[in-house]
Amino acid sequence: MRRRLCFLLGILLFAAVAFALLNWNDAAVPGKALPPPFDEWDAPDVSMNAAIFITPQHPSAVAIRAPDGRESEVRVVRFEGVAIDPVREYAARTEFTDAEDVSEAADALEADIWARTHGGALWFGKPDNAWADTVRAAWGEEDRVPWAEHEPVPWRGWLLLPDGPQSPLLALGFIRNREDLLDRTLGELGVEAGGLGSALRLARMNVASFGLYGEFGDVPPEINSDVLRGTGAGIIVVAESSYPAFLVGALWGRVVSAARLEAITLDSEEAHYRSLDDEWHLTAKRYGRTLYFAVASSRDEAEELVQAVIESQRSRRGE
């Protein structure tokens, strides 16, 4: 009996040490609600692999060029996009300060993009197919459901974003980490992070929720890396594994190697860093089965965003 008791105590002690080493009980703590105006954003009731909602604090100027070469400037109030593929199959809704801006923006779209005007908003996307019909119907009828019901994983990821980055929250979004979708979308934005998506999939981190922090002044006419530079800050991404935390800990070395991360120390805590072609910088921090990573145009900015994560986690734990 005594041997059996000692054996069981040994197993429990081993498990406790293993779980501690693997950060089993160090999971991230979610916030209670999204900040306004994002708390009023519900999901259009359509299938999607990605979505984004941008709401600058002030209307943002966008320079556009019509097919005849005439240039003009319109002012955007907010932007919502949903996608099966953010590059190949998407739909977007942009609201303007002036109804005249709607027709000017529509005239500037490329020939392969469908467009509809709806009051002070322009709906557009590609291709014009059955999925686009469902999106337009959902927008037209305001057929929306809470994100917590429609997409609970991205919703929880948004709640896990930190409370206090110095720059304001400009946008929320998510993208599924399927095949090359995440890496290819980042590449279209000028952020070459090859191997990141497959590394996250090793730990079954299949959804990336993100917050874009900063403020637009003048928005560039194309969606590329200048959009990120124009915010003056960067992106914080949250990815949660469907594996338990101790298993993520066991796999973490492989994830770090596949993602080409190097170990660093931030605010006395272990973190990781990767330079993305010397133009963008990625800093990462893991809490149990939850990974945070920040992307910014300088290493200092990326580290500041992850430090905001660390401070938020400490505050939520009451440390």
C-alpha atoms as a PDB file:
ATOM      1  CA  MET A   1       0.000   0.000   0.000  1.00  0.00           C
ATOM      2  CA  ARG A   2       2.811   2.385   0.948  1.00  0.00           C
ATOM      3  CA  ARG A   3       4.678   1.569  -2.300  1.00  0.00           C
ATOM      4  CA  ARG A   4       1.555   2.235  -4.336  1.00  0.00           C
ATOM      5  CA  LEU A   5       1.000   5.546  -2.540  1.00  0.00           C
ATOM      6  CA  CYS A   6       4.614   6.590  -3.124  1.00  0.00           C
ATOM      7  CA  PHE A   7       4.286   5.619  -6.785  1.00  0.00           C
ATOM      8  CA  LEU A   8       1.137   7.725  -7.217  1.00  0.00           C
ATOM      9  CA  LEU A   9       2.716  10.676  -5.430  1.00  0.00           C
ATOM     10  CA  GLY A  10       5.722  10.345  -7.719  1.00  0.00           C
ATOM     11  CA  ILE A  11       3.491  10.478 -10.791  1.00  0.00           C
ATOM     12  CA  LEU A  12       1.673  13.551  -9.471  1.00  0.00           C
ATOM     13  CA  LEU A  13       4.952  15.283  -8.672  1.00  0.00           C
ATOM     14  CA  PHE A  14       6.348  14.487 -12.120  1.00  0.00           C
ATOM     15  CA  ALA A  15       3.176  15.778 -13.779  1.00  0.00           C
ATOM     16  CA  ALA A  16       3.253  18.978 -11.731  1.00  0.00           C
ATOM     17  CA  VAL A  17       6.868  19.655 -12.681  1.00  0.00           C
ATOM     18  CA  ALA A  18       6.235  18.826 -16.351  1.00  0.00           C
ATOM     19  CA  PHE A  19       3.164  21.056 -16.526  1.00  0.00           C
ATOM     20  CA  ALA A  20       5.062  23.903 -14.881  1.00  0.00           C
ATOM     21  CA  LEU A  21       7.944  23.567 -17.318  1.00  0.00           C
ATOM     22  CA  LEU A  22       5.535  23.518 -20.251  1.00  0.00           C
ATOM     23  CA  ASN A  23       3.497  26.516 -19.019  1.00  0.00           C
ATOM     24  CA  TRP A  24       0.426  24.325 -18.651  1.00  0.00           C
ATOM     25  CA  ASN A  25      -1.268  26.677 -16.183  1.00  0.00           C
ATOM     26  CA  ASP A  26      -0.087  29.913 -17.783  1.00  0.00           C
ATOM     27  CA  ALA A  27      -2.963  30.439 -20.207  1.00  0.00           C
ATOM     28  CA  ALA A  28      -3.901  33.939 -21.367  1.00  0.00           C
ATOM     29  CA  VAL A  29      -6.785  35.714 -19.639  1.00  0.00           C
ATOM     30  CA  PRO A  30      -9.504  37.201 -21.872  1.00  0.00           C
ATOM     31  CA  GLY A  31     -11.028  40.633 -21.450  1.00  0.00           C
ATOM     32  CA  LYS A  32     -14.715  41.067 -20.696  1.00  0.00           C
ATOM     33  CA  ALA A  33     -15.860  42.980 -23.789  1.00  0.00           C
ATOM     34  CA  LEU A  34     -14.622  44.625 -26.960  1.00  0.00           C
ATOM     35  CA  PRO A  35     -14.055  48.379 -26.815  1.00  0.00           C
ATOM     36  CA  PRO A  36     -16.478  50.689 -28.642  1.00  0.00           C
ATOM     37  CA  PRO A  37     -17.287  50.940 -31.502  1.00  0.00           C
ATOM     38  CA  PHE A  38     -16.197  47.338 -32.105  1.00  0.00           C
ATOM     39  CA  ASP A  39     -18.654  46.096 -29.498  1.00  0.00           C
ATOM     40  CA  GLU A  40     -21.463  47.038 -31.919  1.00  0.00           C
ATOM     41  CA  TRP A  41     -19.998  45.129 -34.878  1.00  0.00           C
ATOM     42  CA  ASP A  42     -21.861  41.897 -35.649  1.00  0.00           C
ATOM     43  CA  ALA A  43     -21.018  39.312 -38.288  1.00  0.00           C
ATOM     44  CA  PRO A  44     -22.827  39.189 -41.630  1.00  0.00           C
ATOM     45  CA  ASP A  45     -24.432  35.755 -41.677  1.00  0.00           C
ATOM     46  CA  VAL A  46     -22.342  34.287 -44.510  1.00  0.00           C
ATOM     47  CA  SER A  47     -19.524  31.770 -44.812  1.00  0.00           C
ATOM     48  CA  MET A  48     -16.052  33.315 -44.581  1.00  0.00           C
ATOM     49  CA  ASN A  49     -12.394  32.551 -44.005  1.00  0.00           C
ATOM     50  CA  ALA A  50     -11.434  36.115 -43.133  1.00  0.00           C
ATOM     51  CA  ALA A  51     -12.975  39.400 -42.059  1.00  0.00           C
ATOM     52  CA  ILE A  52     -11.882  42.906 -41.099  1.00  0.00           C
ATOM     53  CA  PHE A  53     -13.571  46.007 -39.704  1.00  0.00           C
ATOM     54  CA  ILE A  54     -11.703  49.324 -39.849  1.00  0.00           C
ATOM     55  CA  THR A  55     -13.027  52.374 -38.044  1.00  0.00           C
ATOM     56  CA  PRO A  56     -10.565  55.275 -37.804  1.00  0.00           C
ATOM     57  CA  GLN A  57     -11.092  57.872 -35.101  1.00  0.00           C
ATOM     58  CA  HIS A  58     -11.482  60.501 -37.805  1.00  0.00           C
ATOM     59  CA  PRO A  59     -12.498  60.233 -41.499  1.00  0.00           C
ATOM     60  CA  SER A  60      -9.462  59.249 -43.542  1.00  0.00           C
ATOM     61  CA  ALA A  61      -8.502  60.674 -46.913  1.00  0.00           C
ATOM     62  CA  VAL A  62      -8.016  58.253 -49.802  1.00  0.00           C
ATOM     63  CA  ALA A  63      -6.504  59.367 -53.115  1.00  0.00           C
ATOM     64  CA  ILE A  64      -8.167  57.709 -56.123  1.00  0.00           C
ATOM     65  CA  ARG A  65      -7.556  57.805 -59.861  1.00  0.00           C
ATOM     66  CA  ALA A  66     -10.393  57.448 -62.381  1.00  0.00           C
ATOM     67  CA  PRO A  67      -9.928  55.455 -65.627  1.00  0.00           C
ATOM     68  CA  ASP A  68      -9.522  58.751 -67.536  1.00  0.00           C
ATOM     69  CA  GLY A  69      -6.562  59.655 -65.314  1.00  0.00           C
ATOM     70  CA  ARG A  70      -8.429  62.228 -63.250  1.00  0.00           C
ATOM     71  CA  GLU A  71      -7.342  62.212 -59.602  1.00  0.00           C
ATOM     72  CA  SER A  72      -9.519  63.066 -56.630  1.00  0.00           C
ATOM     73  CA  GLU A  73      -9.733  62.517 -52.900  1.00  0.00           C
ATOM     74  CA  VAL A  74     -12.514  60.866 -50.925  1.00  0.00           C
ATOM     75  CA  ARG A  75     -12.949  60.516 -47.181  1.00  0.00           C
ATOM     76  CA  VAL A  76     -13.670  57.124 -45.636  1.00  0.00           C
ATOM     77  CA  VAL A  77     -15.617  56.719 -42.389  1.00  0.00           C
ATOM     78  CA  ARG A  78     -15.401  52.936 -41.994  1.00  0.00           C
ATOM     79  CA  PHE A  79     -14.608  49.785 -43.921  1.00  0.00           C
ATOM     80  CA  GLU A  80     -15.855  46.208 -43.574  1.00  0.00           C
ATOM     81  CA  GLY A  81     -14.536  43.274 -45.561  1.00  0.00           C
ATOM     82  CA  VAL A  82     -15.275  39.547 -45.612  1.00  0.00           C
ATOM     83  CA  ALA A  83     -13.528  36.943 -47.721  1.00  0.00           C
ATOM     84  CA  ILE A  84     -13.224  33.353 -48.737  1.00  0.00           C
ATOM     85  CA  ASP A  85      -9.748  34.384 -49.902  1.00  0.00           C
ATOM     86  CA  PRO A  86      -8.617  37.967 -49.120  1.00  0.00           C
ATOM     87  CA  VAL A  87      -6.922  38.271 -52.506  1.00  0.00           C
ATOM     88  CA  ARG A  88      -9.047  36.158 -54.865  1.00  0.00           C
ATOM     89  CA  GLU A  89     -12.600  36.110 -53.465  1.00  0.00           C
ATOM     90  CA  TYR A  90     -13.801  38.916 -51.240  1.00  0.00           C
ATOM     91  CA  ALA A  91     -16.499  41.520 -50.656  1.00  0.00           C
ATOM     92  CA  ALA A  92     -16.069  44.919 -49.028  1.00  0.00           C
ATOM     93  CA  ARG A  93     -18.286  47.731 -47.856  1.00  0.00           C
ATOM     94  CA  THR A  94     -16.892  51.252 -47.533  1.00  0.00           C
ATOM     95  CA  GLU A  95     -18.793  54.172 -46.008  1.00  0.00           C
ATOM     96  CA  PHE A  96     -17.919  57.733 -47.036  1.00  0.00           C
ATOM     97  CA  THR A  97     -18.547  61.163 -45.538  1.00  0.00           C
ATOM     98  CA  ASP A  98     -20.049  62.461 -48.794  1.00  0.00           C
ATOM     99  CA  ALA A  99     -22.465  60.692 -51.153  1.00  0.00           C
ATOM    100  CA  GLU A 100     -20.583  62.155 -54.144  1.00  0.00           C
ATOM    101  CA  ASP A 101     -17.509  60.244 -53.025  1.00  0.00           C
ATOM    102  CA  VAL A 102     -19.347  56.963 -53.576  1.00  0.00           C
ATOM    103  CA  SER A 103     -19.692  57.379 -57.342  1.00  0.00           C
ATOM    104  CA  GLU A 104     -16.127  58.668 -57.681  1.00  0.00           C
ATOM    105  CA  ALA A 105     -14.775  55.660 -55.812  1.00  0.00           C
ATOM    106  CA  ALA A 106     -16.912  53.282 -57.892  1.00  0.00           C
ATOM    107  CA  ASP A 107     -15.577  54.786 -61.130  1.00  0.00           C
ATOM    108  CA  ALA A 108     -12.004  54.172 -59.960  1.00  0.00           C
ATOM    109  CA  LEU A 109     -12.446  50.409 -59.463  1.00  0.00           C
ATOM    110  CA  GLU A 110     -10.795  47.967 -61.846  1.00  0.00           C
ATOM    111  CA  ALA A 111     -12.880  46.310 -64.535  1.00  0.00           C
ATOM    112  CA  ASP A 112     -12.950  42.848 -62.920  1.00  0.00           C
ATOM    113  CA  ILE A 113     -14.447  44.158 -59.662  1.00  0.00           C
ATOM    114  CA  TRP A 114     -18.202  44.276 -59.170  1.00  0.00           C
ATOM    115  CA  ALA A 115     -19.667  47.356 -57.463  1.00  0.00           C
ATOM    116  CA  ARG A 116     -22.991  48.454 -55.970  1.00  0.00           C
ATOM    117  CA  THR A 117     -23.868  51.809 -54.424  1.00  0.00           C
ATOM    118  CA  HIS A 118     -26.054  51.802 -51.334  1.00  0.00           C
ATOM    119  CA  GLY A 119     -26.753  55.250 -49.889  1.00  0.00           C
ATOM    120  CA  GLY A 120     -23.479  56.643 -48.612  1.00  0.00           C
ATOM    121  CA  ALA A 121     -21.703  53.307 -49.013  1.00  0.00           C
ATOM    122  CA  LEU A 122     -19.960  51.469 -51.826  1.00  0.00           C
ATOM    123  CA  TRP A 123     -20.071  47.678 -51.927  1.00  0.00           C
ATOM    124  CA  PHE A 124     -17.502  45.990 -54.127  1.00  0.00           C
ATOM    125  CA  GLY A 125     -15.522  42.794 -54.543  1.00  0.00           C
ATOM    126  CA  LYS A 126     -14.626  39.915 -56.822  1.00  0.00           C
ATOM    127  CA  PRO A 127     -15.651  37.659 -58.413  1.00  0.00           C
ATOM    128  CA  ASP A 128     -19.374  38.296 -58.932  1.00  0.00           C
ATOM    129  CA  ASN A 129     -20.599  34.827 -57.985  1.00  0.00           C
ATOM    130  CA  ALA A 130     -23.125  33.067 -55.740  1.00  0.00           C
ATOM    131  CA  TRP A 131     -21.114  33.812 -52.603  1.00  0.00           C
ATOM    132  CA  ALA A 132     -21.088  37.526 -53.480  1.00  0.00           C
ATOM    133  CA  ASP A 133     -24.888  37.323 -53.812  1.00  0.00           C
ATOM    134  CA  THR A 134     -25.171  35.991 -50.256  1.00  0.00           C
ATOM    135  CA  VAL A 135     -22.959  38.784 -48.902  1.00  0.00           C
ATOM    136  CA  ARG A 136     -24.945  41.501 -50.673  1.00  0.00           C
ATOM    137  CA  ALA A 137     -28.191  39.980 -49.392  1.00  0.00           C
ATOM    138  CA  ALA A 138     -26.860  39.869 -45.829  1.00  0.00           C
ATOM    139  CA  TRP A 139     -25.748  43.497 -46.003  1.00  0.00           C
ATOM    140  CA  GLY A 140     -28.960  44.649 -47.657  1.00  0.00           C
ATOM    141  CA  GLU A 141     -31.179  42.939 -45.089  1.00  0.00           C
ATOM    142  CA  GLU A 142     -28.804  43.618 -42.166  1.00  0.00           C
ATOM    143  CA  ASP A 143     -28.761  39.865 -41.606  1.00  0.00           C
ATOM    144  CA  ARG A 144     -26.192  39.744 -38.833  1.00  0.00           C
ATOM    145  CA  VAL A 145     -25.441  37.597 -35.811  1.00  0.00           C
ATOM    146  CA  PRO A 146     -23.098  38.168 -32.859  1.00  0.00           C
ATOM    147  CA  TRP A 147     -19.520  37.174 -33.576  1.00  0.00           C
ATOM    148  CA  ALA A 148     -19.537  35.047 -30.426  1.00  0.00           C
ATOM    149  CA  GLU A 149     -22.118  32.805 -32.138  1.00  0.00           C
ATOM    150  CA  HIS A 150     -20.960  32.993 -35.758  1.00  0.00           C
ATOM    151  CA  GLU A 151     -17.188  32.725 -35.186  1.00  0.00           C
ATOM    152  CA  PRO A 152     -16.458  31.934 -31.510  1.00  0.00           C
ATOM    153  CA  VAL A 153     -12.729  31.297 -32.030  1.00  0.00           C
ATOM    154  CA  PRO A 154     -11.937  34.705 -33.591  1.00  0.00           C
ATOM    155  CA  TRP A 155     -14.228  36.326 -31.027  1.00  0.00           C
ATOM    156  CA  ARG A 156     -12.254  34.871 -28.139  1.00  0.00           C
ATOM    157  CA  GLY A 157      -9.040  35.928 -29.869  1.00  0.00           C
ATOM    158  CA  TRP A 158     -10.226  39.552 -29.939  1.00  0.00           C
ATOM    159  CA  LEU A 159     -11.051  39.379 -26.230  1.00  0.00           C
ATOM    160  CA  LEU A 160      -7.485  38.193 -25.629  1.00  0.00           C
ATOM    161  CA  LEU A 161      -5.997  41.335 -27.198  1.00  0.00           C
ATOM    162  CA  PRO A 162      -4.249  43.574 -24.657  1.00  0.00           C
ATOM    163  CA  ASP A 163      -5.975  46.449 -22.916  1.00  0.00           C
ATOM    164  CA  GLY A 164      -3.445  49.206 -23.228  1.00  0.00           C
ATOM    165  CA  PRO A 165      -1.245  49.670 -26.317  1.00  0.00           C
ATOM    166  CA  GLN A 166      -0.274  53.318 -26.658  1.00  0.00           C
ATOM    167  CA  SER A 167      -1.806  53.584 -30.135  1.00  0.00           C
ATOM    168  CA  PRO A 168      -5.610  53.382 -30.534  1.00  0.00           C
ATOM    169  CA  LEU A 169      -7.301  50.246 -31.854  1.00  0.00           C
ATOM    170  CA  LEU A 170      -7.991  50.965 -35.512  1.00  0.00           C
ATOM    171  CA  ALA A 171      -9.241  47.601 -36.799  1.00  0.00           C
ATOM    172  CA  LEU A 172     -10.203  44.069 -35.818  1.00  0.00           C
ATOM    173  CA  GLY A 173     -10.087  41.028 -38.042  1.00  0.00           C
ATOM    174  CA  PHE A 174      -9.316  37.362 -38.401  1.00  0.00           C
ATOM    175  CA  ILE A 175      -8.047  34.889 -40.961  1.00  0.00           C
ATOM    176  CA  ARG A 176      -8.096  31.119 -40.950  1.00  0.00           C
ATOM    177  CA  ASN A 177      -4.686  29.496 -41.098  1.00  0.00           C
ATOM    178  CA  ARG A 178      -5.448  27.100 -43.956  1.00  0.00           C
ATOM    179  CA  GLU A 179      -2.811  25.907 -46.404  1.00  0.00           C
ATOM    180  CA  ASP A 180      -0.913  29.030 -47.528  1.00  0.00           C
ATOM    181  CA  LEU A 181      -3.747  31.505 -46.853  1.00  0.00           C
ATOM    182  CA  LEU A 182      -2.079  33.320 -43.941  1.00  0.00           C
ATOM    183  CA  ASP A 183       1.408  33.548 -45.471  1.00  0.00           C
ATOM    184  CA  ARG A 184       0.045  34.565 -48.883  1.00  0.00           C
ATOM    185  CA  THR A 185      -2.173  37.288 -47.425  1.00  0.00           C
ATOM    186  CA  LEU A 186       0.708  38.706 -45.396  1.00  0.00           C
ATOM    187  CA  GLY A 187       2.803  38.607 -48.560  1.00  0.00           C
ATOM    188  CA  GLU A 188       0.215  40.712 -50.405  1.00  0.00           C
ATOM    189  CA  LEU A 189       0.623  43.302 -47.640  1.00  0.00           C
ATOM    190  CA  GLY A 190       4.373  43.301 -48.169  1.00  0.00           C
ATOM    191  CA  VAL A 191       5.087  41.275 -45.027  1.00  0.00           C
ATOM    192  CA  GLU A 192       7.125  38.249 -46.107  1.00  0.00           C
ATOM    193  CA  ALA A 193       6.732  35.771 -43.240  1.00  0.00           C
ATOM    194  CA  GLY A 194       7.227  32.516 -45.118  1.00  0.00           C
ATOM    195  CA  GLY A 195       6.761  29.421 -42.986  1.00  0.00           C
ATOM    196  CA  LEU A 196       4.801  31.176 -40.245  1.00  0.00           C
ATOM    197  CA  GLY A 197       1.451  29.641 -41.173  1.00  0.00           C
ATOM    198  CA  SER A 198       2.781  26.087 -41.372  1.00  0.00           C
ATOM    199  CA  ALA A 199       4.657  26.566 -38.080  1.00  0.00           C
ATOM    200  CA  LEU A 200       1.448  27.592 -36.315  1.00  0.00           C
ATOM    201  CA  ARG A 201      -0.391  24.635 -37.799  1.00  0.00           C
ATOM    202  CA  LEU A 202       2.131  22.306 -36.120  1.00  0.00           C
ATOM    203  CA  ALA A 203       0.491  23.362 -32.848  1.00  0.00           C
ATOM    204  CA  ARG A 204      -3.016  23.417 -34.367  1.00  0.00           C
ATOM    205  CA  MET A 205      -3.263  27.189 -34.265  1.00  0.00           C
ATOM    206  CA  ASN A 206      -5.755  27.349 -37.108  1.00  0.00           C
ATOM    207  CA  VAL A 207      -7.218  30.839 -36.668  1.00  0.00           C
ATOM    208  CA  ALA A 208      -5.346  34.133 -36.349  1.00  0.00           C
ATOM    209  CA  SER A 209      -7.317  36.972 -34.739  1.00  0.00           C
ATOM    210  CA  PHE A 210      -5.735  40.400 -34.970  1.00  0.00           C
ATOM    211  CA  GLY A 211      -5.970  44.010 -33.929  1.00  0.00           C
ATOM    212  CA  LEU A 212      -4.458  46.846 -35.950  1.00  0.00           C
ATOM    213  CA  TYR A 213      -3.214  49.667 -33.756  1.00  0.00           C
ATOM    214  CA  GLY A 214      -2.551  53.208 -34.940  1.00  0.00           C
ATOM    215  CA  GLU A 215      -4.366  55.938 -36.800  1.00  0.00           C
ATOM    216  CA  PHE A 216      -4.745  56.686 -40.483  1.00  0.00           C
ATOM    217  CA  GLY A 217      -4.116  60.140 -41.813  1.00  0.00           C
ATOM    218  CA  ASP A 218      -4.083  59.749 -45.576  1.00  0.00           C
ATOM    219  CA  VAL A 219      -4.783  56.207 -46.720  1.00  0.00           C
ATOM    220  CA  PRO A 220      -2.732  54.945 -49.687  1.00  0.00           C
ATOM    221  CA  PRO A 221      -4.801  54.039 -52.763  1.00  0.00           C
ATOM    222  CA  GLU A 222      -3.622  50.421 -52.736  1.00  0.00           C
ATOM    223  CA  ILE A 223      -3.792  47.787 -50.010  1.00  0.00           C
ATOM    224  CA  ASN A 224      -0.112  47.045 -49.474  1.00  0.00           C
ATOM    225  CA  SER A 225       2.641  47.531 -46.904  1.00  0.00           C
ATOM    226  CA  ASP A 226       2.100  51.314 -47.016  1.00  0.00           C
ATOM    227  CA  VAL A 227      -1.232  50.739 -45.263  1.00  0.00           C
ATOM    228  CA  LEU A 228       0.598  49.285 -42.269  1.00  0.00           C
ATOM    229  CA  ARG A 229       3.243  51.997 -42.272  1.00  0.00           C
ATOM    230  CA  GLY A 230       0.513  54.621 -42.462  1.00  0.00           C
ATOM    231  CA  THR A 231      -0.913  53.650 -39.087  1.00  0.00           C
ATOM    232  CA  GLY A 232       2.268  54.496 -37.216  1.00  0.00           C
ATOM    233  CA  ALA A 233       2.073  51.295 -35.190  1.00  0.00           C
ATOM    234  CA  GLY A 234       1.472  47.667 -36.052  1.00  0.00           C
ATOM    235  CA  ILE A 235      -0.547  44.499 -35.649  1.00  0.00           C
ATOM    236  CA  ILE A 236      -1.036  42.203 -32.679  1.00  0.00           C
ATOM    237  CA  VAL A 237      -2.109  38.683 -33.639  1.00  0.00           C
ATOM    238  CA  VAL A 238      -3.584  36.093 -31.268  1.00  0.00           C
ATOM    239  CA  ALA A 239      -3.591  32.385 -32.153  1.00  0.00           C
ATOM    240  CA  GLU A 240      -4.957  29.747 -29.775  1.00  0.00           C
ATOM    241  CA  SER A 241      -4.214  26.070 -30.162  1.00  0.00           C
ATOM    242  CA  SER A 242      -6.896  23.406 -30.040  1.00  0.00           C
ATOM    243  CA  TYR A 243      -4.323  21.256 -28.216  1.00  0.00           C
ATOM    244  CA  PRO A 244      -4.048  21.453 -24.411  1.00  0.00           C
ATOM    245  CA  ALA A 245      -1.322  23.770 -23.140  1.00  0.00           C
ATOM    246  CA  PHE A 246       1.057  21.023 -22.029  1.00  0.00           C
ATOM    247  CA  LEU A 247       1.047  19.510 -25.514  1.00  0.00           C
ATOM    248  CA  VAL A 248       1.701  22.915 -27.093  1.00  0.00           C
ATOM    249  CA  GLY A 249       4.634  23.234 -24.699  1.00  0.00           C
ATOM    250  CA  ALA A 250       5.989  19.884 -25.846  1.00  0.00           C
ATOM    251  CA  LEU A 251       5.730  21.009 -29.484  1.00  0.00           C
ATOM    252  CA  TRP A 252       6.972  24.529 -28.902  1.00  0.00           C
ATOM    253  CA  GLY A 253      10.571  23.860 -29.888  1.00  0.00           C
ATOM    254  CA  ARG A 254       9.452  22.600 -33.296  1.00  0.00           C
ATOM    255  CA  VAL A 255       7.162  25.622 -33.754  1.00  0.00           C
ATOM    256  CA  VAL A 256       9.985  28.039 -32.899  1.00  0.00           C
ATOM    257  CA  SER A 257      12.335  26.311 -35.333  1.00  0.00           C
ATOM    258  CA  ALA A 258       9.781  26.180 -38.171  1.00  0.00           C
ATOM    259  CA  ALA A 259       8.842  29.839 -37.673  1.00  0.00           C
ATOM    260  CA  ARG A 260      12.535  30.821 -37.549  1.00  0.00           C
ATOM    261  CA  LEU A 261      12.216  32.595 -34.202  1.00  0.00           C
ATOM    262  CA  GLU A 262      15.103  33.473 -31.911  1.00  0.00           C
ATOM    263  CA  ALA A 263      14.753  33.675 -28.128  1.00  0.00           C
ATOM    264  CA  ILE A 264      14.901  37.112 -26.484  1.00  0.00           C
ATOM    265  CA  THR A 265      13.961  38.575 -23.104  1.00  0.00           C
ATOM    266  CA  LEU A 266      11.278  41.248 -22.749  1.00  0.00           C
ATOM    267  CA  ASP A 267      10.436  42.770 -19.391  1.00  0.00           C
ATOM    268  CA  SER A 268      12.183  39.841 -17.650  1.00  0.00           C
ATOM    269  CA  GLU A 269      10.079  37.309 -19.578  1.00  0.00           C
ATOM    270  CA  GLU A 270      10.959  34.934 -22.391  1.00  0.00           C
ATOM    271  CA  ALA A 271       9.824  36.034 -25.836  1.00  0.00           C
ATOM    272  CA  HIS A 272      10.897  35.470 -29.438  1.00  0.00           C
ATOM    273  CA  TYR A 273      11.902  37.628 -32.393  1.00  0.00           C
ATOM    274  CA  ARG A 274      12.234  37.382 -36.168  1.00  0.00           C
ATOM    275  CA  SER A 275      13.329  39.946 -38.739  1.00  0.00           C
ATOM    276  CA  LEU A 276      11.160  39.795 -41.858  1.00  0.00           C
ATOM    277  CA  ASP A 277      13.450  40.800 -44.734  1.00  0.00           C
ATOM    278  CA  ASP A 278      14.840  43.689 -42.634  1.00  0.00           C
ATOM    279  CA  GLU A 279      11.684  45.667 -43.441  1.00  0.00           C
ATOM    280  CA  TRP A 280       9.258  44.258 -40.900  1.00  0.00           C
ATOM    281  CA  HIS A 281       9.837  42.861 -37.444  1.00  0.00           C
ATOM    282  CA  LEU A 282       7.968  40.133 -35.581  1.00  0.00           C
ATOM    283  CA  THR A 283       8.020  39.644 -31.810  1.00  0.00           C
ATOM    284  CA  ALA A 284       6.182  36.740 -30.153  1.00  0.00           C
ATOM    285  CA  LYS A 285       5.128  35.704 -26.651  1.00  0.00           C
ATOM    286  CA  ARG A 286       3.430  32.445 -25.616  1.00  0.00           C
ATOM    287  CA  TYR A 287       1.055  31.889 -22.730  1.00  0.00           C
ATOM    288  CA  GLY A 288       0.180  28.209 -22.460  1.00  0.00           C
ATOM    289  CA  ARG A 289      -1.750  27.328 -25.602  1.00  0.00           C
ATOM    290  CA  THR A 290      -2.052  30.968 -26.665  1.00  0.00           C
ATOM    291  CA  LEU A 291       0.497  32.695 -28.896  1.00  0.00           C
ATOM    292  CA  TYR A 292       0.701  36.442 -29.345  1.00  0.00           C
ATOM    293  CA  PHE A 293       2.839  37.958 -32.048  1.00  0.00           C
ATOM    294  CA  ALA A 294       3.262  41.547 -33.135  1.00  0.00           C
ATOM    295  CA  VAL A 295       4.374  42.854 -36.523  1.00  0.00           C
ATOM    296  CA  ALA A 296       5.629  46.414 -36.962  1.00  0.00           C
ATOM    297  CA  SER A 297       8.002  48.381 -39.173  1.00  0.00           C
ATOM    298  CA  SER A 298      10.646  48.600 -36.438  1.00  0.00           C
ATOM    299  CA  ARG A 299      11.852  46.153 -33.832  1.00  0.00           C
ATOM    300  CA  ASP A 300      11.227  48.651 -31.040  1.00  0.00           C
ATOM    301  CA  GLU A 301       7.577  49.056 -32.081  1.00  0.00           C
ATOM    302  CA  ALA A 302       7.057  45.298 -32.304  1.00  0.00           C
ATOM    303  CA  GLU A 303       8.571  44.821 -28.853  1.00  0.00           C
ATOM    304  CA  GLU A 304       6.445  47.643 -27.407  1.00  0.00           C
ATOM    305  CA  LEU A 305       3.302  45.901 -28.635  1.00  0.00           C
ATOM    306  CA  VAL A 306       4.313  42.619 -26.993  1.00  0.00           C
ATOM    307  CA  GLN A 307       5.218  44.483 -23.821  1.00  0.00           C
ATOM    308  CA  ALA A 308       1.638  45.803 -23.847  1.00  0.00           C
ATOM    309  CA  VAL A 309       0.517  42.162 -23.980  1.00  0.00           C
ATOM    310  CA  ILE A 310       2.724  41.277 -21.001  1.00  0.00           C
ATOM    311  CA  GLU A 311       1.465  44.235 -18.963  1.00  0.00           C
ATOM    312  CA  SER A 312      -2.159  43.441 -19.833  1.00  0.00           C
ATOM    313  CA  GLN A 313      -1.762  39.816 -18.798  1.00  0.00           C
ATOM    314  CA  ARG A 314      -0.195  40.823 -15.489  1.00  0.00           C
ATOM    315  CA  SER A 315      -3.005  43.286 -14.842  1.00  0.00           C
ATOM    316  CA  ARG A 316      -5.713  40.736 -15.643  1.00  0.00           C
ATOM    317  CA  ARG A 317      -4.090  38.303 -13.232  1.00  0.00           C
ATOM    318  CA  GLY A 318      -3.850  40.955 -10.555  1.00  0.00           C
ATOM    319  CA  GLU A 319      -0.059  40.757 -10.434  1.00  0.00           C
END
